[in-house]
Amino acid sequence: MTQRTIRQRVPAVEITEGAGVTVHRSIGTPALKNLDPFLMLDHFGSDNPDEYIAGFPEHPHRGFITFTYMLDGHMEHRDSMGNRGDLQAGGAQWMKAASGVIHSEMPKQTAGLMRGFQLWINLPAREKMADPAYQEFSAGAIAEVVLEQARVRVLAGAFEGVRGVIDDPATDVLYLDVALAASGQFGLPLDDGRNAFVYVFEGDARLAGEALPRHTLAVLGKGERFEIEAGADGTSFILVAGRPIGEPVVQYGPFVMNTREEIEQAFADYRDGKLVRKRAAMSGH
């Protein structure tokens, strides 16, 4: 099998979001505007509550999915459809904004570490104005596979016969959180029908002979297999892959559609109080 090498290395840049929260952004930057079907990746993390306690007050979304994964701390979710959740360490949240959602994400604690990821996943045109949906899963619902040198949490897709709790039928997303022992090796088949990336958030690694330091994303090139090796202190990374949608992407802030006219309609709907059209059903545990 041909090994997937690094097509592009993207160091994350610091961006201020919400009410002043600093995040490390890799996808959704000038270096990597998007990676079909992925629109944005934010890695947030701080042990100083002053840097995150203001959180992400109410804001709208239309036309895509937000996938939030908490590593440490916890975040309270509220949305315009009546969903309320408390996403805790190790848990995951999948929110299909589709036709329109207004929500807030607010840290509940006042001290301690807050770390996690938010990934934006595009929706095909046929789904952009569909009914929204919401799922939230606790840490205990996330399947783990323990190998000799690695611990793998399977959030979406399948690994070693284990399926993640979240299924994204439009893009067949694979989302793994991998902790790899010092100098350990990890690999799996990964066909090139899916665009894929690795983001290192602890330690450092080597992929196809190239160094991957902390806070660095690597877009994978073509091939059929993924292989990575941890540095001397071990590493933790997320591996994410998804089938490209192959449609035009027109994005303005919190709205992602296929045409400029659809973006203008989203702003008009938000201004006129018509963005939220349907109450979502909450599932998960």
C-alpha atoms as a PDB file:
ATOM      1  CA  MET A   1       0.000   0.000   0.000  1.00  0.00           C
ATOM      2  CA  THR A   2       1.186   3.510  -0.844  1.00  0.00           C
ATOM      3  CA  GLN A   3       1.762   5.615   2.270  1.00  0.00           C
ATOM      4  CA  ARG A   4       0.001   8.951   2.521  1.00  0.00           C
ATOM      5  CA  THR A   5       2.619  11.676   2.855  1.00  0.00           C
ATOM      6  CA  ILE A   6       2.315  15.353   3.817  1.00  0.00           C
ATOM      7  CA  ARG A   7       0.817  17.442   1.009  1.00  0.00           C
ATOM      8  CA  GLN A   8       0.787  20.650   3.056  1.00  0.00           C
ATOM      9  CA  ARG A   9       1.962  21.593   6.543  1.00  0.00           C
ATOM     10  CA  VAL A  10      -0.134  24.293   8.249  1.00  0.00           C
ATOM     11  CA  PRO A  11       1.038  25.825  11.554  1.00  0.00           C
ATOM     12  CA  ALA A  12      -2.002  26.971  13.535  1.00  0.00           C
ATOM     13  CA  VAL A  13      -2.423  30.719  14.014  1.00  0.00           C
ATOM     14  CA  GLU A  14      -3.923  32.444  17.038  1.00  0.00           C
ATOM     15  CA  ILE A  15      -7.367  33.951  16.403  1.00  0.00           C
ATOM     16  CA  THR A  16      -9.687  35.765  18.821  1.00  0.00           C
ATOM     17  CA  GLU A  17     -13.261  34.473  18.710  1.00  0.00           C
ATOM     18  CA  GLY A  18     -16.493  34.797  20.688  1.00  0.00           C
ATOM     19  CA  ALA A  19     -16.193  37.230  23.577  1.00  0.00           C
ATOM     20  CA  GLY A  20     -12.401  37.269  23.408  1.00  0.00           C
ATOM     21  CA  VAL A  21     -11.420  33.593  23.486  1.00  0.00           C
ATOM     22  CA  THR A  22      -8.075  32.785  21.833  1.00  0.00           C
ATOM     23  CA  VAL A  23      -8.080  29.730  19.589  1.00  0.00           C
ATOM     24  CA  HIS A  24      -5.442  28.075  17.405  1.00  0.00           C
ATOM     25  CA  ARG A  25      -6.924  27.897  13.890  1.00  0.00           C
ATOM     26  CA  SER A  26      -5.508  25.822  11.050  1.00  0.00           C
ATOM     27  CA  ILE A  27      -8.312  25.164   8.558  1.00  0.00           C
ATOM     28  CA  GLY A  28     -10.071  28.439   7.759  1.00  0.00           C
ATOM     29  CA  THR A  29      -6.900  30.533   7.491  1.00  0.00           C
ATOM     30  CA  PRO A  30      -5.164  32.165   4.511  1.00  0.00           C
ATOM     31  CA  ALA A  31      -2.804  29.165   4.370  1.00  0.00           C
ATOM     32  CA  LEU A  32      -5.693  26.664   4.167  1.00  0.00           C
ATOM     33  CA  LYS A  33      -9.055  28.228   3.409  1.00  0.00           C
ATOM     34  CA  ASN A  34     -10.829  24.861   3.468  1.00  0.00           C
ATOM     35  CA  LEU A  35     -10.233  21.164   2.860  1.00  0.00           C
ATOM     36  CA  ASP A  36     -13.433  19.818   1.313  1.00  0.00           C
ATOM     37  CA  PRO A  37     -15.631  18.909   3.201  1.00  0.00           C
ATOM     38  CA  PHE A  38     -13.925  20.638   6.170  1.00  0.00           C
ATOM     39  CA  LEU A  39     -14.358  24.391   6.538  1.00  0.00           C
ATOM     40  CA  MET A  40     -12.637  25.260   9.820  1.00  0.00           C
ATOM     41  CA  LEU A  41     -10.670  23.677  12.657  1.00  0.00           C
ATOM     42  CA  ASP A  42     -10.208  25.528  15.948  1.00  0.00           C
ATOM     43  CA  HIS A  43      -8.146  24.147  18.821  1.00  0.00           C
ATOM     44  CA  PHE A  44      -8.958  26.035  22.013  1.00  0.00           C
ATOM     45  CA  GLY A  45      -7.077  25.604  25.262  1.00  0.00           C
ATOM     46  CA  SER A  46      -6.036  27.516  28.355  1.00  0.00           C
ATOM     47  CA  ASP A  47      -5.543  26.991  32.085  1.00  0.00           C
ATOM     48  CA  ASN A  48      -6.358  30.674  32.727  1.00  0.00           C
ATOM     49  CA  PRO A  49     -10.136  31.181  33.150  1.00  0.00           C
ATOM     50  CA  ASP A  50      -9.783  34.886  32.279  1.00  0.00           C
ATOM     51  CA  GLU A  51      -8.919  33.770  28.737  1.00  0.00           C
ATOM     52  CA  TYR A  52     -12.015  31.659  28.125  1.00  0.00           C
ATOM     53  CA  ILE A  53     -14.739  32.271  30.714  1.00  0.00           C
ATOM     54  CA  ALA A  54     -16.477  34.844  28.476  1.00  0.00           C
ATOM     55  CA  GLY A  55     -17.065  31.972  26.054  1.00  0.00           C
ATOM     56  CA  PHE A  56     -19.043  32.166  22.831  1.00  0.00           C
ATOM     57  CA  PRO A  57     -22.302  34.102  23.362  1.00  0.00           C
ATOM     58  CA  GLU A  58     -25.296  33.717  21.058  1.00  0.00           C
ATOM     59  CA  HIS A  59     -24.396  33.524  17.373  1.00  0.00           C
ATOM     60  CA  PRO A  60     -26.096  32.123  14.238  1.00  0.00           C
ATOM     61  CA  HIS A  61     -25.147  29.298  11.854  1.00  0.00           C
ATOM     62  CA  ARG A  62     -26.581  28.101   8.552  1.00  0.00           C
ATOM     63  CA  GLY A  63     -25.475  25.575   5.941  1.00  0.00           C
ATOM     64  CA  PHE A  64     -23.024  23.312   7.770  1.00  0.00           C
ATOM     65  CA  ILE A  65     -22.295  21.107  10.804  1.00  0.00           C
ATOM     66  CA  THR A  66     -20.340  21.991  13.945  1.00  0.00           C
ATOM     67  CA  PHE A  67     -18.520  19.078  15.590  1.00  0.00           C
ATOM     68  CA  THR A  68     -17.190  19.941  19.063  1.00  0.00           C
ATOM     69  CA  TYR A  69     -14.910  17.639  21.070  1.00  0.00           C
ATOM     70  CA  MET A  70     -13.911  18.505  24.632  1.00  0.00           C
ATOM     71  CA  LEU A  71     -10.567  17.295  25.981  1.00  0.00           C
ATOM     72  CA  ASP A  72     -10.733  19.064  29.359  1.00  0.00           C
ATOM     73  CA  GLY A  73     -13.216  21.302  31.148  1.00  0.00           C
ATOM     74  CA  HIS A  74     -16.847  21.606  30.147  1.00  0.00           C
ATOM     75  CA  MET A  75     -19.078  23.856  28.080  1.00  0.00           C
ATOM     76  CA  GLU A  76     -22.777  24.648  28.399  1.00  0.00           C
ATOM     77  CA  HIS A  77     -24.715  24.620  25.134  1.00  0.00           C
ATOM     78  CA  ARG A  78     -28.026  26.400  24.556  1.00  0.00           C
ATOM     79  CA  ASP A  79     -29.759  26.960  21.247  1.00  0.00           C
ATOM     80  CA  SER A  80     -32.767  28.621  19.692  1.00  0.00           C
ATOM     81  CA  MET A  81     -34.598  25.306  19.378  1.00  0.00           C
ATOM     82  CA  GLY A  82     -34.637  24.539  23.083  1.00  0.00           C
ATOM     83  CA  ASN A  83     -31.697  22.161  23.276  1.00  0.00           C
ATOM     84  CA  ARG A  84     -29.576  22.458  26.413  1.00  0.00           C
ATOM     85  CA  GLY A  85     -26.478  20.446  27.132  1.00  0.00           C
ATOM     86  CA  ASP A  86     -23.355  20.382  29.244  1.00  0.00           C
ATOM     87  CA  LEU A  87     -20.519  19.025  27.122  1.00  0.00           C
ATOM     88  CA  GLN A  88     -17.948  17.632  29.541  1.00  0.00           C
ATOM     89  CA  ALA A  89     -14.360  16.384  29.203  1.00  0.00           C
ATOM     90  CA  GLY A  90     -14.126  13.556  26.696  1.00  0.00           C
ATOM     91  CA  GLY A  91     -17.583  14.236  25.253  1.00  0.00           C
ATOM     92  CA  ALA A  92     -18.609  15.175  21.727  1.00  0.00           C
ATOM     93  CA  GLN A  93     -21.356  17.310  20.230  1.00  0.00           C
ATOM     94  CA  TRP A  94     -22.648  17.183  16.648  1.00  0.00           C
ATOM     95  CA  MET A  95     -24.907  20.037  15.582  1.00  0.00           C
ATOM     96  CA  LYS A  96     -26.352  20.126  12.062  1.00  0.00           C
ATOM     97  CA  ALA A  97     -27.226  23.803  11.728  1.00  0.00           C
ATOM     98  CA  ALA A  98     -28.629  23.306   8.200  1.00  0.00           C
ATOM     99  CA  SER A  99     -31.483  25.832   7.668  1.00  0.00           C
ATOM    100  CA  GLY A 100     -30.591  27.819  10.768  1.00  0.00           C
ATOM    101  CA  VAL A 101     -29.609  27.714  14.436  1.00  0.00           C
ATOM    102  CA  ILE A 102     -28.750  30.404  16.971  1.00  0.00           C
ATOM    103  CA  HIS A 103     -26.732  29.029  19.881  1.00  0.00           C
ATOM    104  CA  SER A 104     -24.275  29.833  22.640  1.00  0.00           C
ATOM    105  CA  GLU A 105     -21.346  27.873  24.074  1.00  0.00           C
ATOM    106  CA  MET A 106     -20.379  29.019  27.557  1.00  0.00           C
ATOM    107  CA  PRO A 107     -17.812  27.574  29.975  1.00  0.00           C
ATOM    108  CA  LYS A 108     -19.487  26.855  33.332  1.00  0.00           C
ATOM    109  CA  GLN A 109     -16.408  26.589  35.507  1.00  0.00           C
ATOM    110  CA  THR A 110     -14.319  29.471  36.803  1.00  0.00           C
ATOM    111  CA  ALA A 111     -10.980  27.701  37.264  1.00  0.00           C
ATOM    112  CA  GLY A 112      -9.004  24.935  35.623  1.00  0.00           C
ATOM    113  CA  LEU A 113      -8.016  23.741  32.201  1.00  0.00           C
ATOM    114  CA  MET A 114     -10.284  24.178  29.175  1.00  0.00           C
ATOM    115  CA  ARG A 115      -9.240  22.338  25.994  1.00  0.00           C
ATOM    116  CA  GLY A 116     -10.977  21.034  22.935  1.00  0.00           C
ATOM    117  CA  PHE A 117     -11.669  21.251  19.224  1.00  0.00           C
ATOM    118  CA  GLN A 118     -14.395  22.596  17.001  1.00  0.00           C
ATOM    119  CA  LEU A 119     -14.559  21.340  13.429  1.00  0.00           C
ATOM    120  CA  TRP A 120     -16.899  22.768  10.792  1.00  0.00           C
ATOM    121  CA  ILE A 121     -18.121  20.217   8.227  1.00  0.00           C
ATOM    122  CA  ASN A 122     -19.842  21.367   5.056  1.00  0.00           C
ATOM    123  CA  LEU A 123     -23.248  20.136   3.948  1.00  0.00           C
ATOM    124  CA  PRO A 124     -24.179  19.332   0.338  1.00  0.00           C
ATOM    125  CA  ALA A 125     -26.601  21.749  -1.333  1.00  0.00           C
ATOM    126  CA  ARG A 126     -29.508  19.341  -0.884  1.00  0.00           C
ATOM    127  CA  GLU A 127     -29.016  19.452   2.911  1.00  0.00           C
ATOM    128  CA  LYS A 128     -28.260  23.123   3.512  1.00  0.00           C
ATOM    129  CA  MET A 129     -31.887  24.102   4.112  1.00  0.00           C
ATOM    130  CA  ALA A 130     -32.906  20.809   5.732  1.00  0.00           C
ATOM    131  CA  ASP A 131     -34.140  20.570   9.320  1.00  0.00           C
ATOM    132  CA  PRO A 132     -31.421  21.035  11.956  1.00  0.00           C
ATOM    133  CA  ALA A 133     -30.414  18.227  14.317  1.00  0.00           C
ATOM    134  CA  TYR A 134     -28.436  17.957  17.546  1.00  0.00           C
ATOM    135  CA  GLN A 135     -26.565  15.118  19.223  1.00  0.00           C
ATOM    136  CA  GLU A 136     -24.469  15.140  22.386  1.00  0.00           C
ATOM    137  CA  PHE A 137     -22.499  12.205  23.781  1.00  0.00           C
ATOM    138  CA  SER A 138     -20.703  11.845  27.105  1.00  0.00           C
ATOM    139  CA  ALA A 139     -17.159  10.544  27.451  1.00  0.00           C
ATOM    140  CA  GLY A 140     -18.499   7.126  28.426  1.00  0.00           C
ATOM    141  CA  ALA A 141     -20.285   6.793  25.093  1.00  0.00           C
ATOM    142  CA  ILE A 142     -17.087   7.269  23.069  1.00  0.00           C
ATOM    143  CA  ALA A 143     -15.564   3.896  22.142  1.00  0.00           C
ATOM    144  CA  GLU A 144     -11.872   3.308  22.843  1.00  0.00           C
ATOM    145  CA  VAL A 145      -9.453   0.851  21.255  1.00  0.00           C
ATOM    146  CA  VAL A 146      -6.317   0.085  23.279  1.00  0.00           C
ATOM    147  CA  LEU A 147      -3.308  -1.129  21.302  1.00  0.00           C
ATOM    148  CA  GLU A 148       0.214  -1.962  22.439  1.00  0.00           C
ATOM    149  CA  GLN A 149       1.514   1.545  21.775  1.00  0.00           C
ATOM    150  CA  ALA A 150      -1.633   3.616  21.332  1.00  0.00           C
ATOM    151  CA  ARG A 151      -4.978   4.523  22.825  1.00  0.00           C
ATOM    152  CA  VAL A 152      -7.533   5.418  20.156  1.00  0.00           C
ATOM    153  CA  ARG A 153     -10.883   7.120  20.828  1.00  0.00           C
ATOM    154  CA  VAL A 154     -13.288   6.563  17.932  1.00  0.00           C
ATOM    155  CA  LEU A 155     -15.626   9.556  17.674  1.00  0.00           C
ATOM    156  CA  ALA A 156     -16.864   9.052  14.113  1.00  0.00           C
ATOM    157  CA  GLY A 157     -16.350   6.414  11.464  1.00  0.00           C
ATOM    158  CA  ALA A 158     -14.802   3.013  12.196  1.00  0.00           C
ATOM    159  CA  PHE A 159     -11.464   1.678  13.429  1.00  0.00           C
ATOM    160  CA  GLU A 160     -10.524  -1.929  14.191  1.00  0.00           C
ATOM    161  CA  GLY A 161     -14.158  -2.979  13.846  1.00  0.00           C
ATOM    162  CA  VAL A 162     -15.347  -0.338  16.344  1.00  0.00           C
ATOM    163  CA  ARG A 163     -17.768   2.347  15.161  1.00  0.00           C
ATOM    164  CA  GLY A 164     -17.985   5.849  16.571  1.00  0.00           C
ATOM    165  CA  VAL A 165     -21.229   7.206  18.008  1.00  0.00           C
ATOM    166  CA  ILE A 166     -21.475   9.958  15.384  1.00  0.00           C
ATOM    167  CA  ASP A 167     -22.310   9.137  11.773  1.00  0.00           C
ATOM    168  CA  ASP A 168     -22.139  11.687   8.969  1.00  0.00           C
ATOM    169  CA  PRO A 169     -23.735  10.025   5.931  1.00  0.00           C
ATOM    170  CA  ALA A 170     -23.024  12.878   3.494  1.00  0.00           C
ATOM    171  CA  THR A 171     -19.232  12.856   3.945  1.00  0.00           C
ATOM    172  CA  ASP A 172     -18.416   9.574   5.751  1.00  0.00           C
ATOM    173  CA  VAL A 173     -16.285  11.359   8.365  1.00  0.00           C
ATOM    174  CA  LEU A 174     -13.597   9.475  10.279  1.00  0.00           C
ATOM    175  CA  TYR A 175     -12.536  11.223  13.517  1.00  0.00           C
ATOM    176  CA  LEU A 176      -9.965   9.572  15.784  1.00  0.00           C
ATOM    177  CA  ASP A 177      -8.231  10.936  18.897  1.00  0.00           C
ATOM    178  CA  VAL A 178      -4.934   9.054  19.211  1.00  0.00           C
ATOM    179  CA  ALA A 179      -2.485   9.068  22.141  1.00  0.00           C
ATOM    180  CA  LEU A 180       0.774   7.408  21.110  1.00  0.00           C
ATOM    181  CA  ALA A 181       3.534   6.271  23.472  1.00  0.00           C
ATOM    182  CA  ALA A 182       7.088   7.603  23.234  1.00  0.00           C
ATOM    183  CA  SER A 183       8.606   6.602  19.885  1.00  0.00           C
ATOM    184  CA  GLY A 184       5.502   4.495  19.238  1.00  0.00           C
ATOM    185  CA  GLN A 185       4.097   3.812  15.787  1.00  0.00           C
ATOM    186  CA  PHE A 186       0.510   3.872  14.572  1.00  0.00           C
ATOM    187  CA  GLY A 187      -1.080   3.104  11.230  1.00  0.00           C
ATOM    188  CA  LEU A 188      -4.280   2.160   9.460  1.00  0.00           C
ATOM    189  CA  PRO A 189      -5.642   1.781   5.917  1.00  0.00           C
ATOM    190  CA  LEU A 190      -6.941   5.148   4.679  1.00  0.00           C
ATOM    191  CA  ASP A 191      -8.077   5.278   1.054  1.00  0.00           C
ATOM    192  CA  ASP A 192      -7.463   8.426  -0.947  1.00  0.00           C
ATOM    193  CA  GLY A 193     -11.147   8.828  -1.729  1.00  0.00           C
ATOM    194  CA  ARG A 194     -11.293  10.886   1.455  1.00  0.00           C
ATOM    195  CA  ASN A 195      -9.473  14.132   2.134  1.00  0.00           C
ATOM    196  CA  ALA A 196      -7.622  13.768   5.422  1.00  0.00           C
ATOM    197  CA  PHE A 197      -5.572  15.698   7.938  1.00  0.00           C
ATOM    198  CA  VAL A 198      -3.653  15.182  11.170  1.00  0.00           C
ATOM    199  CA  TYR A 199      -3.425  17.811  13.902  1.00  0.00           C
ATOM    200  CA  VAL A 200      -0.823  17.362  16.676  1.00  0.00           C
ATOM    201  CA  PHE A 201      -1.894  18.872  20.003  1.00  0.00           C
ATOM    202  CA  GLU A 202       0.589  17.262  22.410  1.00  0.00           C
ATOM    203  CA  GLY A 203       4.227  16.341  21.918  1.00  0.00           C
ATOM    204  CA  ASP A 204       5.527  15.911  18.388  1.00  0.00           C
ATOM    205  CA  ALA A 205       5.550  13.299  15.665  1.00  0.00           C
ATOM    206  CA  ARG A 206       7.042  12.266  12.341  1.00  0.00           C
ATOM    207  CA  LEU A 207       4.961  11.470   9.287  1.00  0.00           C
ATOM    208  CA  ALA A 208       6.640  10.009   6.193  1.00  0.00           C
ATOM    209  CA  GLY A 209       9.988  11.184   7.570  1.00  0.00           C
ATOM    210  CA  GLU A 210       8.849  14.783   8.125  1.00  0.00           C
ATOM    211  CA  ALA A 211       8.591  16.453  11.536  1.00  0.00           C
ATOM    212  CA  LEU A 212       5.185  17.491  12.896  1.00  0.00           C
ATOM    213  CA  PRO A 213       5.513  19.743  15.951  1.00  0.00           C
ATOM    214  CA  ARG A 214       2.716  20.689  18.341  1.00  0.00           C
ATOM    215  CA  HIS A 215      -0.050  22.967  16.998  1.00  0.00           C
ATOM    216  CA  THR A 216       0.647  21.841  13.432  1.00  0.00           C
ATOM    217  CA  LEU A 217      -1.811  20.403  10.920  1.00  0.00           C
ATOM    218  CA  ALA A 218      -0.707  18.170   8.072  1.00  0.00           C
ATOM    219  CA  VAL A 219      -2.895  17.731   4.998  1.00  0.00           C
ATOM    220  CA  LEU A 220      -2.332  14.192   3.729  1.00  0.00           C
ATOM    221  CA  GLY A 221      -1.504  13.455   0.110  1.00  0.00           C
ATOM    222  CA  LYS A 222      -2.797  10.576  -1.976  1.00  0.00           C
ATOM    223  CA  GLY A 223      -2.262   6.974  -0.925  1.00  0.00           C
ATOM    224  CA  GLU A 224      -3.908   4.004   0.738  1.00  0.00           C
ATOM    225  CA  ARG A 225      -2.318   3.900   4.189  1.00  0.00           C
ATOM    226  CA  PHE A 226      -1.563   6.306   7.020  1.00  0.00           C
ATOM    227  CA  GLU A 227       1.540   5.826   9.199  1.00  0.00           C
ATOM    228  CA  ILE A 228       2.880   8.069  11.973  1.00  0.00           C
ATOM    229  CA  GLU A 229       5.599   7.837  14.629  1.00  0.00           C
ATOM    230  CA  ALA A 230       5.672   9.622  17.983  1.00  0.00           C
ATOM    231  CA  GLY A 231       8.589  11.681  19.214  1.00  0.00           C
ATOM    232  CA  ALA A 232      10.673  10.876  22.283  1.00  0.00           C
ATOM    233  CA  ASP A 233       7.991  12.208  24.656  1.00  0.00           C
ATOM    234  CA  GLY A 234       5.028  10.640  22.886  1.00  0.00           C
ATOM    235  CA  THR A 235       2.283  12.505  21.061  1.00  0.00           C
ATOM    236  CA  SER A 236      -1.456  13.086  20.900  1.00  0.00           C
ATOM    237  CA  PHE A 237      -3.212  14.002  17.675  1.00  0.00           C
ATOM    238  CA  ILE A 238      -6.532  13.900  15.909  1.00  0.00           C
ATOM    239  CA  LEU A 239      -6.833  12.141  12.555  1.00  0.00           C
ATOM    240  CA  VAL A 240      -9.831  13.292  10.502  1.00  0.00           C
ATOM    241  CA  ALA A 241     -10.947  12.242   7.025  1.00  0.00           C
ATOM    242  CA  GLY A 242     -14.047  12.866   4.920  1.00  0.00           C
ATOM    243  CA  ARG A 243     -15.337  12.424   1.382  1.00  0.00           C
ATOM    244  CA  PRO A 244     -15.292  15.710  -0.553  1.00  0.00           C
ATOM    245  CA  ILE A 245     -18.612  17.215  -1.610  1.00  0.00           C
ATOM    246  CA  GLY A 246     -17.232  18.919  -4.712  1.00  0.00           C
ATOM    247  CA  GLU A 247     -19.643  21.877  -4.754  1.00  0.00           C
ATOM    248  CA  PRO A 248     -19.023  25.654  -4.713  1.00  0.00           C
ATOM    249  CA  VAL A 249     -18.368  27.062  -1.229  1.00  0.00           C
ATOM    250  CA  VAL A 250     -19.471  30.629  -0.511  1.00  0.00           C
ATOM    251  CA  GLN A 251     -18.800  31.532   3.113  1.00  0.00           C
ATOM    252  CA  TYR A 252     -19.366  34.726   5.010  1.00  0.00           C
ATOM    253  CA  GLY A 253     -18.828  34.490   8.749  1.00  0.00           C
ATOM    254  CA  PRO A 254     -21.297  32.007  10.260  1.00  0.00           C
ATOM    255  CA  PHE A 255     -23.092  31.202   6.992  1.00  0.00           C
ATOM    256  CA  VAL A 256     -21.831  28.696   4.401  1.00  0.00           C
ATOM    257  CA  MET A 257     -23.867  28.294   1.224  1.00  0.00           C
ATOM    258  CA  ASN A 258     -23.332  27.631  -2.503  1.00  0.00           C
ATOM    259  CA  THR A 259     -24.065  31.093  -3.940  1.00  0.00           C
ATOM    260  CA  ARG A 260     -23.705  34.729  -2.911  1.00  0.00           C
ATOM    261  CA  GLU A 261     -27.491  35.136  -3.235  1.00  0.00           C
ATOM    262  CA  GLU A 262     -28.007  32.393  -0.622  1.00  0.00           C
ATOM    263  CA  ILE A 263     -25.602  34.192   1.742  1.00  0.00           C
ATOM    264  CA  GLU A 264     -27.502  37.435   1.279  1.00  0.00           C
ATOM    265  CA  GLN A 265     -30.746  35.595   2.022  1.00  0.00           C
ATOM    266  CA  ALA A 266     -29.232  34.147   5.217  1.00  0.00           C
ATOM    267  CA  PHE A 267     -28.324  37.651   6.440  1.00  0.00           C
ATOM    268  CA  ALA A 268     -31.783  38.928   5.541  1.00  0.00           C
ATOM    269  CA  ASP A 269     -33.416  36.030   7.381  1.00  0.00           C
ATOM    270  CA  TYR A 270     -31.245  36.665  10.452  1.00  0.00           C
ATOM    271  CA  ARG A 271     -32.036  40.386  10.391  1.00  0.00           C
ATOM    272  CA  ASP A 272     -35.762  39.700  10.039  1.00  0.00           C
ATOM    273  CA  GLY A 273     -35.900  37.006  12.734  1.00  0.00           C
ATOM    274  CA  LYS A 274     -36.555  34.229  10.203  1.00  0.00           C
ATOM    275  CA  LEU A 275     -33.279  32.311  10.379  1.00  0.00           C
ATOM    276  CA  VAL A 276     -34.624  29.626  12.740  1.00  0.00           C
ATOM    277  CA  ARG A 277     -37.276  27.653  10.903  1.00  0.00           C
ATOM    278  CA  LYS A 278     -37.430  24.313  12.667  1.00  0.00           C
ATOM    279  CA  ARG A 279     -37.047  22.899  16.156  1.00  0.00           C
ATOM    280  CA  ALA A 280     -34.359  20.199  16.290  1.00  0.00           C
ATOM    281  CA  ALA A 281     -34.603  16.895  18.090  1.00  0.00           C
ATOM    282  CA  MET A 282     -31.822  16.198  20.599  1.00  0.00           C
ATOM    283  CA  SER A 283     -30.321  12.765  20.925  1.00  0.00           C
ATOM    284  CA  GLY A 284     -27.286  11.215  22.586  1.00  0.00           C
ATOM    285  CA  HIS A 285     -26.289  10.269  26.109  1.00  0.00           C
END
